[in-house]
Amino acid sequence: MKKNLFLNRVRGYLALNSKAFRVMRLTFYLLLLTVFQGIAANSYSQNTKLSFKLNDAKVKDVLNVIEEKSEFYFLFNSKLVDVERKVDINVSNQQVDKILSSLFNGTNVGYTVMDRQIILQPTVGVSESMTSMQQQIKVSGKITDATTNETLPGVNIVVKGTTTGTLTDLDGSYTINVPSRKTTLIFSFVGYNSQEVVVG
């Protein structure tokens, strides 16, 4: 009788420990999976190397080839970034940031690589005079969805009647210089209605 009671207690203890062990093992595997996914996400842009050759191709064709050969995708406003420009490009086993540096070398286009998303936007030219910069007003803000309150990256902001503009970053934030408080900004984003807002 005592022997059966002892065996039942041992079996119960082992059953309890095996459940706890399974839970601990599963938690450990999930933790490892999360860590490896984080490392893979951060190193994707550094480890991805591409090879291709295009002659007399438009910039947008080069961007399409990069998207097809990788998991990157581009966000840009074709009114602000000249994607119709013809280029010759021959790359062999190069990282995307080096390809983009050579592609936009000598232009006013800058890029930001965020995981697999690449935002192309015009940069402020060094040749702009200091007087025009002093007369301009810096406008900044954050764009969020009205219903979900989530930030919206890649929203186009353009000064009405010009080609001056910018895109929101991953946090939905933007900064743009405008000539006066009477300037109208046009906000546009895929799937949303465009809005015109007077700065003042």
N, C-alpha and C. Protein backbone atom coordinates (compact mmCIF):
# COMPACT_ATOMS: atom_id res chain seq x y z
N MET A 1 0.83 -1.19 0.00
CA MET A 1 0.00 0.00 0.00
C MET A 1 0.87 1.25 0.00
N LYS A 2 1.88 1.25 0.92
CA LYS A 2 2.78 2.40 0.98
C LYS A 2 3.58 2.52 -0.32
N LYS A 3 3.95 1.35 -0.90
CA LYS A 3 4.71 1.36 -2.14
C LYS A 3 3.90 1.98 -3.28
N ASN A 4 2.59 1.63 -3.39
CA ASN A 4 1.72 2.20 -4.42
C ASN A 4 1.55 3.69 -4.23
N LEU A 5 1.39 4.14 -2.99
CA LEU A 5 1.24 5.56 -2.70
C LEU A 5 2.51 6.31 -3.11
N PHE A 6 3.68 5.73 -2.80
CA PHE A 6 4.95 6.35 -3.17
C PHE A 6 5.09 6.44 -4.70
N LEU A 7 4.73 5.36 -5.42
CA LEU A 7 4.81 5.36 -6.89
C LEU A 7 3.86 6.38 -7.50
N ASN A 8 2.66 6.51 -6.94
CA ASN A 8 1.72 7.51 -7.44
C ASN A 8 2.26 8.93 -7.27
N ARG A 9 2.91 9.18 -6.12
CA ARG A 9 3.48 10.50 -5.89
C ARG A 9 4.63 10.78 -6.87
N VAL A 10 5.46 9.79 -7.10
CA VAL A 10 6.58 9.96 -8.04
C VAL A 10 6.05 10.22 -9.45
N ARG A 11 5.04 9.44 -9.85
CA ARG A 11 4.45 9.65 -11.19
C ARG A 11 3.83 11.04 -11.32
N GLY A 12 3.12 11.47 -10.29
CA GLY A 12 2.53 12.81 -10.30
C GLY A 12 3.59 13.89 -10.38
N TYR A 13 4.69 13.73 -9.63
CA TYR A 13 5.79 14.69 -9.64
C TYR A 13 6.44 14.75 -11.02
N LEU A 14 6.68 13.58 -11.62
CA LEU A 14 7.28 13.54 -12.96
C LEU A 14 6.36 14.14 -14.01
N ALA A 15 5.05 13.86 -13.90
CA ALA A 15 4.09 14.43 -14.86
C ALA A 15 4.07 15.95 -14.74
N LEU A 16 4.08 16.48 -13.53
CA LEU A 16 4.08 17.92 -13.32
C LEU A 16 5.35 18.55 -13.86
N ASN A 17 6.49 17.89 -13.58
CA ASN A 17 7.76 18.42 -14.06
C ASN A 17 7.88 18.34 -15.58
N SER A 18 7.33 17.31 -16.19
CA SER A 18 7.42 17.21 -17.65
C SER A 18 6.59 18.31 -18.31
N LYS A 19 5.44 18.67 -17.73
CA LYS A 19 4.65 19.79 -18.28
C LYS A 19 5.42 21.09 -18.13
N ALA A 20 6.00 21.29 -16.96
CA ALA A 20 6.79 22.51 -16.73
C ALA A 20 7.99 22.54 -17.68
N PHE A 21 8.61 21.39 -17.86
CA PHE A 21 9.76 21.32 -18.76
C PHE A 21 9.35 21.64 -20.20
N ARG A 22 8.20 21.12 -20.62
CA ARG A 22 7.71 21.42 -21.98
C ARG A 22 7.45 22.91 -22.15
N VAL A 23 6.83 23.53 -21.16
CA VAL A 23 6.54 24.96 -21.23
C VAL A 23 7.85 25.76 -21.29
N MET A 24 8.81 25.39 -20.47
CA MET A 24 10.10 26.08 -20.47
C MET A 24 10.81 25.90 -21.81
N ARG A 25 10.77 24.71 -22.35
CA ARG A 25 11.43 24.44 -23.62
C ARG A 25 10.77 25.23 -24.75
N LEU A 26 9.44 25.26 -24.76
CA LEU A 26 8.71 26.02 -25.78
C LEU A 26 9.02 27.52 -25.66
N THR A 27 9.05 28.03 -24.44
CA THR A 27 9.38 29.44 -24.23
C THR A 27 10.80 29.75 -24.72
N PHE A 28 11.72 28.86 -24.45
CA PHE A 28 13.10 29.04 -24.91
C PHE A 28 13.17 29.08 -26.44
N TYR A 29 12.47 28.17 -27.11
CA TYR A 29 12.46 28.15 -28.58
C TYR A 29 11.86 29.43 -29.15
N LEU A 30 10.77 29.90 -28.56
CA LEU A 30 10.15 31.15 -29.03
C LEU A 30 11.08 32.34 -28.84
N LEU A 31 11.78 32.36 -27.72
CA LEU A 31 12.73 33.43 -27.47
C LEU A 31 13.86 33.41 -28.49
N LEU A 32 14.40 32.22 -28.77
CA LEU A 32 15.44 32.11 -29.79
C LEU A 32 14.96 32.54 -31.16
N LEU A 33 13.74 32.15 -31.51
CA LEU A 33 13.17 32.53 -32.80
C LEU A 33 13.04 34.04 -32.92
N THR A 34 12.59 34.69 -31.86
CA THR A 34 12.45 36.14 -31.87
C THR A 34 13.81 36.83 -32.03
N VAL A 35 14.80 36.35 -31.32
CA VAL A 35 16.15 36.93 -31.41
C VAL A 35 16.71 36.78 -32.81
N PHE A 36 16.57 35.58 -33.39
CA PHE A 36 17.10 35.35 -34.74
C PHE A 36 16.37 36.19 -35.79
N GLN A 37 15.06 36.38 -35.63
CA GLN A 37 14.32 37.22 -36.58
C GLN A 37 14.78 38.66 -36.48
N GLY A 38 15.04 39.13 -35.27
CA GLY A 38 15.54 40.49 -35.09
C GLY A 38 16.90 40.69 -35.74
N ILE A 39 17.77 39.72 -35.56
CA ILE A 39 19.11 39.79 -36.17
C ILE A 39 18.99 39.75 -37.68
N ALA A 40 18.13 38.88 -38.20
CA ALA A 40 17.96 38.76 -39.66
C ALA A 40 17.40 40.05 -40.24
N ALA A 41 16.46 40.68 -39.56
CA ALA A 41 15.86 41.92 -40.07
C ALA A 41 16.90 43.02 -40.13
N ASN A 42 17.75 43.14 -39.09
CA ASN A 42 18.75 44.20 -39.06
C ASN A 42 19.85 43.98 -40.07
N SER A 43 20.19 42.74 -40.35
CA SER A 43 21.32 42.49 -41.23
C SER A 43 20.91 42.26 -42.68
N TYR A 44 19.63 42.30 -42.99
CA TYR A 44 19.20 42.02 -44.37
C TYR A 44 19.80 43.03 -45.34
N SER A 45 19.70 44.31 -44.99
CA SER A 45 20.19 45.33 -45.91
C SER A 45 21.72 45.28 -46.03
N GLN A 46 22.40 44.81 -45.00
CA GLN A 46 23.86 44.72 -45.04
C GLN A 46 24.33 43.47 -45.77
N ASN A 47 23.55 42.41 -45.70
CA ASN A 47 23.98 41.14 -46.29
C ASN A 47 23.49 40.93 -47.72
N THR A 48 22.46 41.66 -48.13
CA THR A 48 21.92 41.47 -49.46
C THR A 48 22.82 42.14 -50.49
N LYS A 49 23.31 41.34 -51.43
CA LYS A 49 24.16 41.85 -52.50
C LYS A 49 23.55 41.48 -53.84
N LEU A 50 23.58 42.42 -54.76
CA LEU A 50 22.93 42.23 -56.06
C LEU A 50 23.94 42.38 -57.19
N SER A 51 23.62 41.73 -58.30
CA SER A 51 24.42 41.85 -59.52
C SER A 51 23.47 42.00 -60.70
N PHE A 52 23.69 43.06 -61.49
CA PHE A 52 22.92 43.25 -62.72
C PHE A 52 23.58 44.32 -63.57
N LYS A 53 23.18 44.36 -64.84
CA LYS A 53 23.74 45.34 -65.78
C LYS A 53 22.60 45.88 -66.63
N LEU A 54 22.49 47.21 -66.69
CA LEU A 54 21.49 47.87 -67.51
C LEU A 54 22.14 49.01 -68.27
N ASN A 55 21.84 49.12 -69.55
CA ASN A 55 22.36 50.21 -70.37
C ASN A 55 21.21 51.06 -70.87
N ASP A 56 21.39 52.38 -70.78
CA ASP A 56 20.40 53.36 -71.24
C ASP A 56 19.02 53.06 -70.65
N ALA A 57 19.00 52.77 -69.36
CA ALA A 57 17.75 52.44 -68.67
C ALA A 57 17.32 53.62 -67.81
N LYS A 58 16.03 53.72 -67.59
CA LYS A 58 15.50 54.76 -66.71
C LYS A 58 15.76 54.36 -65.25
N VAL A 59 15.84 55.37 -64.39
CA VAL A 59 16.07 55.11 -62.96
C VAL A 59 14.97 54.22 -62.41
N LYS A 60 13.73 54.44 -62.85
CA LYS A 60 12.63 53.61 -62.33
C LYS A 60 12.81 52.14 -62.74
N ASP A 61 13.43 51.88 -63.89
CA ASP A 61 13.70 50.49 -64.29
C ASP A 61 14.74 49.86 -63.37
N VAL A 62 15.74 50.65 -62.98
CA VAL A 62 16.76 50.14 -62.06
C VAL A 62 16.11 49.81 -60.71
N LEU A 63 15.23 50.70 -60.24
CA LEU A 63 14.53 50.46 -58.97
C LEU A 63 13.67 49.20 -59.06
N ASN A 64 13.03 48.99 -60.20
CA ASN A 64 12.21 47.79 -60.39
C ASN A 64 13.07 46.52 -60.34
N VAL A 65 14.26 46.57 -60.93
CA VAL A 65 15.16 45.41 -60.91
C VAL A 65 15.58 45.10 -59.47
N ILE A 66 15.88 46.15 -58.70
CA ILE A 66 16.27 45.95 -57.30
C ILE A 66 15.12 45.32 -56.53
N GLU A 67 13.90 45.77 -56.78
CA GLU A 67 12.74 45.19 -56.09
C GLU A 67 12.52 43.73 -56.49
N GLU A 68 12.74 43.42 -57.77
CA GLU A 68 12.54 42.04 -58.24
C GLU A 68 13.60 41.09 -57.69
N LYS A 69 14.85 41.58 -57.54
CA LYS A 69 15.94 40.71 -57.12
C LYS A 69 16.11 40.67 -55.60
N SER A 70 15.30 41.41 -54.87
CA SER A 70 15.42 41.45 -53.41
C SER A 70 14.04 41.60 -52.79
N GLU A 71 14.01 41.77 -51.48
CA GLU A 71 12.76 42.01 -50.78
C GLU A 71 12.56 43.50 -50.48
N PHE A 72 13.41 44.36 -51.06
CA PHE A 72 13.27 45.80 -50.85
C PHE A 72 12.11 46.34 -51.67
N TYR A 73 11.51 47.41 -51.15
CA TYR A 73 10.54 48.16 -51.95
C TYR A 73 10.76 49.64 -51.71
N PHE A 74 10.47 50.45 -52.73
CA PHE A 74 10.78 51.88 -52.71
C PHE A 74 9.53 52.71 -52.51
N LEU A 75 9.69 53.79 -51.76
CA LEU A 75 8.65 54.81 -51.59
C LEU A 75 9.23 56.13 -52.08
N PHE A 76 8.55 56.77 -53.03
CA PHE A 76 9.01 58.06 -53.53
C PHE A 76 7.88 58.75 -54.26
N ASN A 77 8.03 60.05 -54.46
CA ASN A 77 7.09 60.85 -55.22
C ASN A 77 7.76 61.16 -56.55
N SER A 78 7.18 60.70 -57.65
CA SER A 78 7.80 60.89 -58.96
C SER A 78 7.85 62.36 -59.38
N LYS A 79 7.08 63.22 -58.70
CA LYS A 79 7.17 64.66 -58.98
C LYS A 79 8.42 65.26 -58.33
N LEU A 80 8.91 64.61 -57.29
CA LEU A 80 10.07 65.14 -56.57
C LEU A 80 11.36 64.43 -56.93
N VAL A 81 11.26 63.18 -57.34
CA VAL A 81 12.44 62.38 -57.69
C VAL A 81 12.38 62.06 -59.18
N ASP A 82 13.43 62.45 -59.91
CA ASP A 82 13.46 62.23 -61.36
C ASP A 82 13.79 60.76 -61.64
N VAL A 83 12.74 59.97 -61.87
CA VAL A 83 12.95 58.54 -62.15
C VAL A 83 12.96 58.26 -63.65
N GLU A 84 12.81 59.31 -64.47
CA GLU A 84 12.85 59.15 -65.92
C GLU A 84 14.27 59.35 -66.47
N ARG A 85 15.19 59.75 -65.62
CA ARG A 85 16.57 59.99 -66.03
C ARG A 85 17.19 58.68 -66.52
N LYS A 86 17.95 58.76 -67.64
CA LYS A 86 18.59 57.58 -68.22
C LYS A 86 19.96 57.36 -67.60
N VAL A 87 20.25 56.10 -67.28
CA VAL A 87 21.54 55.76 -66.66
C VAL A 87 22.07 54.46 -67.26
N ASP A 88 23.38 54.28 -67.14
CA ASP A 88 24.04 53.01 -67.42
C ASP A 88 24.57 52.51 -66.09
N ILE A 89 24.24 51.28 -65.75
CA ILE A 89 24.69 50.76 -64.45
C ILE A 89 25.13 49.31 -64.61
N ASN A 90 26.26 49.01 -64.00
CA ASN A 90 26.81 47.65 -64.02
C ASN A 90 27.35 47.35 -62.63
N VAL A 91 26.61 46.54 -61.88
CA VAL A 91 27.02 46.21 -60.51
C VAL A 91 27.22 44.71 -60.38
N SER A 92 28.20 44.36 -59.59
CA SER A 92 28.48 42.94 -59.36
C SER A 92 28.68 42.71 -57.88
N ASN A 93 27.76 41.98 -57.29
CA ASN A 93 27.84 41.58 -55.88
C ASN A 93 28.02 42.80 -54.97
N GLN A 94 27.14 43.80 -55.12
CA GLN A 94 27.23 45.01 -54.32
C GLN A 94 26.01 45.16 -53.42
N GLN A 95 26.22 45.83 -52.28
CA GLN A 95 25.12 46.11 -51.36
C GLN A 95 24.24 47.20 -51.96
N VAL A 96 22.97 47.20 -51.53
CA VAL A 96 21.99 48.13 -52.09
C VAL A 96 22.37 49.58 -51.82
N ASP A 97 22.89 49.88 -50.64
CA ASP A 97 23.23 51.28 -50.35
C ASP A 97 24.33 51.80 -51.27
N LYS A 98 25.27 50.93 -51.66
CA LYS A 98 26.33 51.34 -52.59
C LYS A 98 25.76 51.54 -53.99
N ILE A 99 24.81 50.67 -54.37
CA ILE A 99 24.17 50.81 -55.68
C ILE A 99 23.42 52.13 -55.75
N LEU A 100 22.67 52.45 -54.69
CA LEU A 100 21.89 53.69 -54.68
C LEU A 100 22.80 54.91 -54.64
N SER A 101 23.93 54.81 -53.93
CA SER A 101 24.88 55.94 -53.88
C SER A 101 25.40 56.26 -55.27
N SER A 102 25.75 55.23 -56.03
CA SER A 102 26.25 55.47 -57.39
C SER A 102 25.12 55.90 -58.33
N LEU A 103 23.91 55.38 -58.11
CA LEU A 103 22.78 55.72 -58.96
C LEU A 103 22.39 57.19 -58.82
N PHE A 104 22.43 57.72 -57.59
CA PHE A 104 21.99 59.09 -57.34
C PHE A 104 23.16 60.04 -57.09
N ASN A 105 24.38 59.62 -57.43
CA ASN A 105 25.55 60.48 -57.27
C ASN A 105 25.42 61.70 -58.18
N GLY A 106 25.62 62.89 -57.60
CA GLY A 106 25.54 64.13 -58.39
C GLY A 106 24.12 64.65 -58.55
N THR A 107 23.15 64.03 -57.91
CA THR A 107 21.77 64.52 -57.96
C THR A 107 21.37 65.02 -56.58
N ASN A 108 20.18 65.59 -56.48
CA ASN A 108 19.71 66.08 -55.18
C ASN A 108 18.79 65.06 -54.50
N VAL A 109 18.98 63.77 -54.83
CA VAL A 109 18.13 62.72 -54.26
C VAL A 109 18.90 62.00 -53.15
N GLY A 110 18.24 61.89 -52.00
CA GLY A 110 18.80 61.13 -50.89
C GLY A 110 17.92 59.92 -50.62
N TYR A 111 18.43 59.00 -49.83
CA TYR A 111 17.65 57.79 -49.55
C TYR A 111 17.86 57.38 -48.10
N THR A 112 16.84 56.72 -47.56
CA THR A 112 16.91 56.17 -46.21
C THR A 112 16.48 54.72 -46.28
N VAL A 113 17.33 53.81 -45.79
CA VAL A 113 17.02 52.38 -45.79
C VAL A 113 16.51 52.01 -44.41
N MET A 114 15.28 51.56 -44.32
CA MET A 114 14.68 51.13 -43.07
C MET A 114 14.20 49.69 -43.25
N ASP A 115 15.02 48.74 -42.78
CA ASP A 115 14.74 47.32 -42.95
C ASP A 115 14.62 47.02 -44.44
N ARG A 116 13.43 46.72 -44.95
CA ARG A 116 13.26 46.42 -46.38
C ARG A 116 12.58 47.56 -47.13
N GLN A 117 12.39 48.66 -46.47
CA GLN A 117 11.75 49.83 -47.08
C GLN A 117 12.80 50.89 -47.36
N ILE A 118 12.81 51.42 -48.58
CA ILE A 118 13.77 52.47 -48.95
C ILE A 118 12.98 53.70 -49.38
N ILE A 119 13.20 54.80 -48.67
CA ILE A 119 12.50 56.05 -48.97
C ILE A 119 13.44 56.95 -49.75
N LEU A 120 12.99 57.38 -50.94
CA LEU A 120 13.75 58.31 -51.77
C LEU A 120 13.13 59.69 -51.63
N GLN A 121 13.96 60.70 -51.40
CA GLN A 121 13.44 62.06 -51.29
C GLN A 121 14.51 63.05 -51.68
N PRO A 122 14.08 64.24 -52.13
CA PRO A 122 15.07 65.25 -52.51
C PRO A 122 15.79 65.79 -51.27
N THR A 123 17.06 66.09 -51.44
CA THR A 123 17.83 66.69 -50.35
C THR A 123 17.97 68.18 -50.63
N VAL A 124 18.23 68.95 -49.59
CA VAL A 124 18.41 70.39 -49.75
C VAL A 124 19.75 70.62 -50.42
N GLY A 125 19.74 71.35 -51.53
CA GLY A 125 20.97 71.62 -52.26
C GLY A 125 21.89 72.57 -51.50
N VAL A 126 23.20 72.32 -51.56
CA VAL A 126 24.17 73.17 -50.90
C VAL A 126 24.26 74.52 -51.58
N SER A 127 23.90 74.57 -52.86
CA SER A 127 24.03 75.81 -53.62
C SER A 127 22.95 76.83 -53.29
N GLU A 128 21.95 76.46 -52.50
CA GLU A 128 20.91 77.43 -52.15
C GLU A 128 21.52 78.56 -51.36
N SER A 129 21.10 79.74 -51.67
CA SER A 129 21.68 80.90 -50.98
C SER A 129 21.18 81.00 -49.56
N MET A 130 22.00 81.58 -48.70
CA MET A 130 21.65 81.72 -47.29
C MET A 130 20.45 82.65 -47.12
N THR A 131 20.33 83.64 -47.98
CA THR A 131 19.21 84.59 -47.82
C THR A 131 17.87 83.91 -48.05
N SER A 132 17.81 83.05 -49.06
CA SER A 132 16.54 82.37 -49.32
C SER A 132 16.20 81.41 -48.19
N MET A 133 17.24 80.81 -47.57
CA MET A 133 16.98 79.91 -46.45
C MET A 133 16.52 80.67 -45.23
N GLN A 134 17.03 81.90 -45.03
CA GLN A 134 16.61 82.69 -43.89
C GLN A 134 15.18 83.16 -44.04
N GLN A 135 14.73 83.40 -45.25
CA GLN A 135 13.38 83.87 -45.48
C GLN A 135 12.36 82.74 -45.36
N GLN A 136 12.79 81.51 -45.48
CA GLN A 136 11.87 80.39 -45.44
C GLN A 136 11.48 80.04 -44.02
N ILE A 137 10.31 79.43 -43.89
CA ILE A 137 9.78 78.99 -42.61
C ILE A 137 9.86 77.48 -42.56
N LYS A 138 10.36 76.95 -41.45
CA LYS A 138 10.43 75.50 -41.29
C LYS A 138 9.12 74.99 -40.69
N VAL A 139 8.50 74.06 -41.39
CA VAL A 139 7.26 73.45 -40.92
C VAL A 139 7.53 71.98 -40.64
N SER A 140 7.11 71.50 -39.48
CA SER A 140 7.29 70.09 -39.16
C SER A 140 6.04 69.57 -38.48
N GLY A 141 5.86 68.27 -38.54
CA GLY A 141 4.68 67.67 -37.91
C GLY A 141 4.73 66.16 -37.99
N LYS A 142 3.65 65.57 -37.55
CA LYS A 142 3.51 64.11 -37.58
C LYS A 142 2.15 63.78 -38.16
N ILE A 143 2.11 62.81 -39.08
CA ILE A 143 0.86 62.44 -39.74
C ILE A 143 0.41 61.09 -39.22
N THR A 144 -0.85 61.05 -38.78
CA THR A 144 -1.43 59.80 -38.27
C THR A 144 -2.77 59.55 -38.93
N ASP A 145 -3.19 58.30 -38.93
CA ASP A 145 -4.50 57.92 -39.42
C ASP A 145 -5.56 58.42 -38.43
N ALA A 146 -6.61 59.05 -38.93
CA ALA A 146 -7.63 59.64 -38.06
C ALA A 146 -8.41 58.59 -37.28
N THR A 147 -8.58 57.40 -37.84
CA THR A 147 -9.39 56.39 -37.16
C THR A 147 -8.56 55.50 -36.24
N THR A 148 -7.38 55.07 -36.71
CA THR A 148 -6.58 54.14 -35.90
C THR A 148 -5.50 54.84 -35.09
N ASN A 149 -5.22 56.11 -35.40
CA ASN A 149 -4.20 56.91 -34.73
C ASN A 149 -2.79 56.34 -34.94
N GLU A 150 -2.60 55.50 -35.98
CA GLU A 150 -1.28 54.96 -36.31
C GLU A 150 -0.54 55.94 -37.21
N THR A 151 0.78 56.00 -37.06
CA THR A 151 1.57 56.90 -37.89
C THR A 151 1.60 56.39 -39.33
N LEU A 152 1.76 57.31 -40.28
CA LEU A 152 1.76 56.96 -41.69
C LEU A 152 3.11 57.31 -42.31
N PRO A 153 3.97 56.31 -42.57
CA PRO A 153 5.24 56.58 -43.25
C PRO A 153 5.04 56.68 -44.75
N GLY A 154 5.85 57.51 -45.41
CA GLY A 154 5.80 57.61 -46.87
C GLY A 154 4.73 58.51 -47.42
N VAL A 155 4.15 59.39 -46.59
CA VAL A 155 3.16 60.35 -47.08
C VAL A 155 3.89 61.46 -47.84
N ASN A 156 3.38 61.82 -49.03
CA ASN A 156 3.97 62.88 -49.84
C ASN A 156 3.47 64.23 -49.36
N ILE A 157 4.39 65.15 -49.12
CA ILE A 157 4.04 66.52 -48.76
C ILE A 157 4.71 67.43 -49.78
N VAL A 158 3.91 68.19 -50.54
CA VAL A 158 4.44 69.03 -51.61
C VAL A 158 3.93 70.45 -51.42
N VAL A 159 4.81 71.43 -51.63
CA VAL A 159 4.39 72.83 -51.64
C VAL A 159 3.62 73.06 -52.93
N LYS A 160 2.37 73.50 -52.80
CA LYS A 160 1.48 73.65 -53.96
C LYS A 160 2.10 74.57 -55.01
N GLY A 161 2.07 74.12 -56.27
CA GLY A 161 2.58 74.92 -57.38
C GLY A 161 4.08 74.81 -57.58
N THR A 162 4.76 73.95 -56.80
CA THR A 162 6.20 73.77 -56.94
C THR A 162 6.54 72.29 -56.96
N THR A 163 7.82 72.00 -57.10
CA THR A 163 8.28 70.61 -56.99
C THR A 163 8.97 70.37 -55.65
N THR A 164 8.88 71.35 -54.76
CA THR A 164 9.48 71.22 -53.42
C THR A 164 8.60 70.32 -52.57
N GLY A 165 9.21 69.33 -51.96
CA GLY A 165 8.42 68.43 -51.14
C GLY A 165 9.28 67.49 -50.34
N THR A 166 8.62 66.62 -49.60
CA THR A 166 9.30 65.65 -48.76
C THR A 166 8.37 64.48 -48.51
N LEU A 167 8.86 63.47 -47.80
CA LEU A 167 8.08 62.31 -47.40
C LEU A 167 8.18 62.15 -45.88
N THR A 168 7.14 61.59 -45.28
CA THR A 168 7.21 61.30 -43.85
C THR A 168 8.10 60.08 -43.63
N ASP A 169 8.79 60.07 -42.48
CA ASP A 169 9.65 58.94 -42.14
C ASP A 169 8.82 57.83 -41.50
N LEU A 170 9.48 56.83 -40.94
CA LEU A 170 8.76 55.68 -40.37
C LEU A 170 7.88 56.05 -39.19
N ASP A 171 8.20 57.17 -38.52
CA ASP A 171 7.38 57.62 -37.39
C ASP A 171 6.26 58.55 -37.84
N GLY A 172 6.12 58.77 -39.15
CA GLY A 172 5.09 59.68 -39.66
C GLY A 172 5.48 61.14 -39.55
N SER A 173 6.75 61.41 -39.18
CA SER A 173 7.21 62.79 -38.99
C SER A 173 7.78 63.36 -40.28
N TYR A 174 7.69 64.68 -40.41
CA TYR A 174 8.24 65.36 -41.59
C TYR A 174 8.70 66.75 -41.19
N THR A 175 9.60 67.30 -42.01
CA THR A 175 10.04 68.69 -41.89
C THR A 175 10.21 69.22 -43.30
N ILE A 176 9.68 70.43 -43.54
CA ILE A 176 9.77 71.03 -44.87
C ILE A 176 9.90 72.54 -44.71
N ASN A 177 10.67 73.17 -45.60
CA ASN A 177 10.80 74.62 -45.61
C ASN A 177 9.82 75.20 -46.61
N VAL A 178 9.10 76.24 -46.19
CA VAL A 178 8.12 76.90 -47.06
C VAL A 178 8.43 78.39 -47.12
N PRO A 179 8.03 79.06 -48.22
CA PRO A 179 8.38 80.48 -48.37
C PRO A 179 7.62 81.42 -47.44
N SER A 180 6.38 81.09 -47.09
CA SER A 180 5.60 82.00 -46.24
C SER A 180 4.50 81.24 -45.51
N ARG A 181 3.82 81.95 -44.61
CA ARG A 181 2.72 81.35 -43.85
C ARG A 181 1.48 81.15 -44.72
N LYS A 182 1.44 81.79 -45.87
CA LYS A 182 0.30 81.64 -46.78
C LYS A 182 0.46 80.46 -47.73
N THR A 183 1.58 79.76 -47.60
CA THR A 183 1.85 78.61 -48.47
C THR A 183 0.87 77.48 -48.20
N THR A 184 0.45 76.81 -49.27
CA THR A 184 -0.44 75.65 -49.15
C THR A 184 0.37 74.38 -49.35
N LEU A 185 0.21 73.44 -48.44
CA LEU A 185 0.86 72.13 -48.56
C LEU A 185 -0.16 71.10 -49.00
N ILE A 186 0.24 70.23 -49.91
CA ILE A 186 -0.63 69.15 -50.38
C ILE A 186 -0.12 67.84 -49.79
N PHE A 187 -0.98 67.15 -49.05
CA PHE A 187 -0.64 65.87 -48.45
C PHE A 187 -1.33 64.77 -49.24
N SER A 188 -0.57 63.79 -49.71
CA SER A 188 -1.18 62.69 -50.47
C SER A 188 -0.54 61.37 -50.06
N PHE A 189 -1.37 60.31 -50.08
CA PHE A 189 -0.93 58.98 -49.67
C PHE A 189 -1.81 57.96 -50.36
N VAL A 190 -1.25 56.84 -50.76
CA VAL A 190 -2.00 55.81 -51.48
C VAL A 190 -3.16 55.32 -50.61
N GLY A 191 -4.36 55.32 -51.18
CA GLY A 191 -5.53 54.83 -50.47
C GLY A 191 -6.24 55.89 -49.65
N TYR A 192 -5.71 57.12 -49.63
CA TYR A 192 -6.31 58.21 -48.87
C TYR A 192 -6.60 59.38 -49.81
N ASN A 193 -7.57 60.20 -49.44
CA ASN A 193 -7.83 61.41 -50.20
C ASN A 193 -6.75 62.45 -49.94
N SER A 194 -6.35 63.19 -50.98
CA SER A 194 -5.37 64.24 -50.80
C SER A 194 -5.99 65.40 -50.02
N GLN A 195 -5.16 66.08 -49.24
CA GLN A 195 -5.61 67.24 -48.48
C GLN A 195 -4.71 68.41 -48.74
N GLU A 196 -5.31 69.62 -48.83
CA GLU A 196 -4.55 70.84 -48.96
C GLU A 196 -4.70 71.63 -47.67
N VAL A 197 -3.57 72.04 -47.10
CA VAL A 197 -3.59 72.74 -45.81
C VAL A 197 -2.73 73.98 -45.94
N VAL A 198 -3.29 75.14 -45.53
CA VAL A 198 -2.54 76.38 -45.52
C VAL A 198 -1.68 76.40 -44.25
N VAL A 199 -0.39 76.74 -44.40
CA VAL A 199 0.54 76.67 -43.28
C VAL A 199 0.12 77.58 -42.13
N GLY A 200 -0.27 78.81 -42.46
CA GLY A 200 -0.55 79.79 -41.40
C GLY A 200 -1.71 79.41 -40.52
